[in-house]
Amino acid sequence: MKVFLIVLFCIQQPDLNLDDTCVTEIQREPYNNISECMYSLSQVKLRAREVPNLYTTGFCTTKNIESA
């Protein structure tokens, strides 16, 4: 089982179309555990704080990955 990070970035800008307000970013590189994933999310959120009117949230999810 691997852990993946999904991050949502939303910008508060009145002249943007509602459909263009938020973007979802799926990190394709898996983490070995939830702790690593949550740490990475905290680092992303910390860097995103430097951008005005940008709001960030995210979550970690586990998936079964079968090797071929």
C-alpha atoms as a PDB file:
ATOM      1  CA  MET A   1       0.000   0.000   0.000  1.00  0.00           C
ATOM      2  CA  LYS A   2       1.292   3.436  -0.925  1.00  0.00           C
ATOM      3  CA  VAL A   3       0.254   6.910   0.185  1.00  0.00           C
ATOM      4  CA  PHE A   4      -0.467   9.723  -2.258  1.00  0.00           C
ATOM      5  CA  LEU A   5      -0.862  13.446  -1.692  1.00  0.00           C
ATOM      6  CA  ILE A   6      -3.678  15.421  -3.282  1.00  0.00           C
ATOM      7  CA  VAL A   7      -3.461  19.204  -2.953  1.00  0.00           C
ATOM      8  CA  LEU A   8      -6.095  21.806  -3.813  1.00  0.00           C
ATOM      9  CA  PHE A   9      -5.051  25.346  -4.657  1.00  0.00           C
ATOM     10  CA  CYS A  10      -7.731  28.055  -4.756  1.00  0.00           C
ATOM     11  CA  ILE A  11      -7.249  31.719  -5.524  1.00  0.00           C
ATOM     12  CA  GLN A  12      -9.514  34.491  -4.293  1.00  0.00           C
ATOM     13  CA  GLN A  13      -9.852  36.801  -7.272  1.00  0.00           C
ATOM     14  CA  PRO A  14     -13.260  38.366  -8.081  1.00  0.00           C
ATOM     15  CA  ASP A  15     -12.695  38.569 -11.842  1.00  0.00           C
ATOM     16  CA  LEU A  16     -11.881  34.851 -12.254  1.00  0.00           C
ATOM     17  CA  ASN A  17     -14.551  32.491 -13.516  1.00  0.00           C
ATOM     18  CA  LEU A  18     -15.752  30.181 -10.775  1.00  0.00           C
ATOM     19  CA  ASP A  19     -14.557  27.163 -12.789  1.00  0.00           C
ATOM     20  CA  ASP A  20     -11.021  28.606 -12.831  1.00  0.00           C
ATOM     21  CA  THR A  21     -10.812  29.377  -9.107  1.00  0.00           C
ATOM     22  CA  CYS A  22      -9.377  26.050  -7.879  1.00  0.00           C
ATOM     23  CA  VAL A  23      -6.906  23.522  -9.229  1.00  0.00           C
ATOM     24  CA  THR A  24      -6.235  19.997  -7.975  1.00  0.00           C
ATOM     25  CA  GLU A  25      -2.677  18.690  -8.017  1.00  0.00           C
ATOM     26  CA  ILE A  26      -2.082  14.963  -7.528  1.00  0.00           C
ATOM     27  CA  GLN A  27       1.465  14.126  -6.534  1.00  0.00           C
ATOM     28  CA  ARG A  28       2.346  11.005  -8.544  1.00  0.00           C
ATOM     29  CA  GLU A  29       5.354  10.114  -6.405  1.00  0.00           C
ATOM     30  CA  PRO A  30       4.076   7.879  -3.582  1.00  0.00           C
ATOM     31  CA  TYR A  31       5.008   8.159   0.068  1.00  0.00           C
ATOM     32  CA  ASN A  32       5.760   5.212   2.317  1.00  0.00           C
ATOM     33  CA  ASN A  33       3.500   6.356   5.130  1.00  0.00           C
ATOM     34  CA  ILE A  34       0.960   8.984   6.182  1.00  0.00           C
ATOM     35  CA  SER A  35       3.505  10.903   8.270  1.00  0.00           C
ATOM     36  CA  GLU A  36       5.759  11.555   5.256  1.00  0.00           C
ATOM     37  CA  CYS A  37       2.763  12.626   3.208  1.00  0.00           C
ATOM     38  CA  MET A  38       1.437  15.000   5.866  1.00  0.00           C
ATOM     39  CA  TYR A  39       4.867  16.552   6.294  1.00  0.00           C
ATOM     40  CA  SER A  40       5.046  17.175   2.552  1.00  0.00           C
ATOM     41  CA  LEU A  41       1.583  18.762   2.627  1.00  0.00           C
ATOM     42  CA  SER A  42       2.662  21.078   5.434  1.00  0.00           C
ATOM     43  CA  GLN A  43       5.686  22.144   3.377  1.00  0.00           C
ATOM     44  CA  VAL A  44       3.515  22.855   0.319  1.00  0.00           C
ATOM     45  CA  LYS A  45       1.112  24.909   2.430  1.00  0.00           C
ATOM     46  CA  LEU A  46       3.983  26.817   3.991  1.00  0.00           C
ATOM     47  CA  ARG A  47       5.385  27.782   0.572  1.00  0.00           C
ATOM     48  CA  ALA A  48       1.917  28.673  -0.754  1.00  0.00           C
ATOM     49  CA  ARG A  49       1.378  31.164   2.076  1.00  0.00           C
ATOM     50  CA  GLU A  50       3.827  33.477   0.292  1.00  0.00           C
ATOM     51  CA  VAL A  51       1.387  33.944  -2.618  1.00  0.00           C
ATOM     52  CA  PRO A  52      -1.294  36.557  -1.927  1.00  0.00           C
ATOM     53  CA  ASN A  53      -4.925  35.365  -2.041  1.00  0.00           C
ATOM     54  CA  LEU A  54      -3.915  31.727  -2.549  1.00  0.00           C
ATOM     55  CA  TYR A  55      -5.544  29.190  -0.258  1.00  0.00           C
ATOM     56  CA  THR A  56      -4.296  25.630  -0.028  1.00  0.00           C
ATOM     57  CA  THR A  57      -5.613  22.449   1.490  1.00  0.00           C
ATOM     58  CA  GLY A  58      -4.977  18.805   0.824  1.00  0.00           C
ATOM     59  CA  PHE A  59      -5.158  15.272   2.040  1.00  0.00           C
ATOM     60  CA  CYS A  60      -3.292  11.994   1.936  1.00  0.00           C
ATOM     61  CA  THR A  61      -4.901   8.847   0.583  1.00  0.00           C
ATOM     62  CA  THR A  62      -3.775   5.232   0.570  1.00  0.00           C
ATOM     63  CA  LYS A  63      -4.017   3.047  -2.518  1.00  0.00           C
ATOM     64  CA  ASN A  64      -3.141  -0.551  -3.228  1.00  0.00           C
ATOM     65  CA  ILE A  65      -0.544  -0.598  -6.020  1.00  0.00           C
ATOM     66  CA  GLU A  66       0.131  -3.863  -7.777  1.00  0.00           C
ATOM     67  CA  SER A  67       3.486  -4.339  -9.481  1.00  0.00           C
ATOM     68  CA  ALA A  68       3.379  -5.705 -13.021  1.00  0.00           C
END
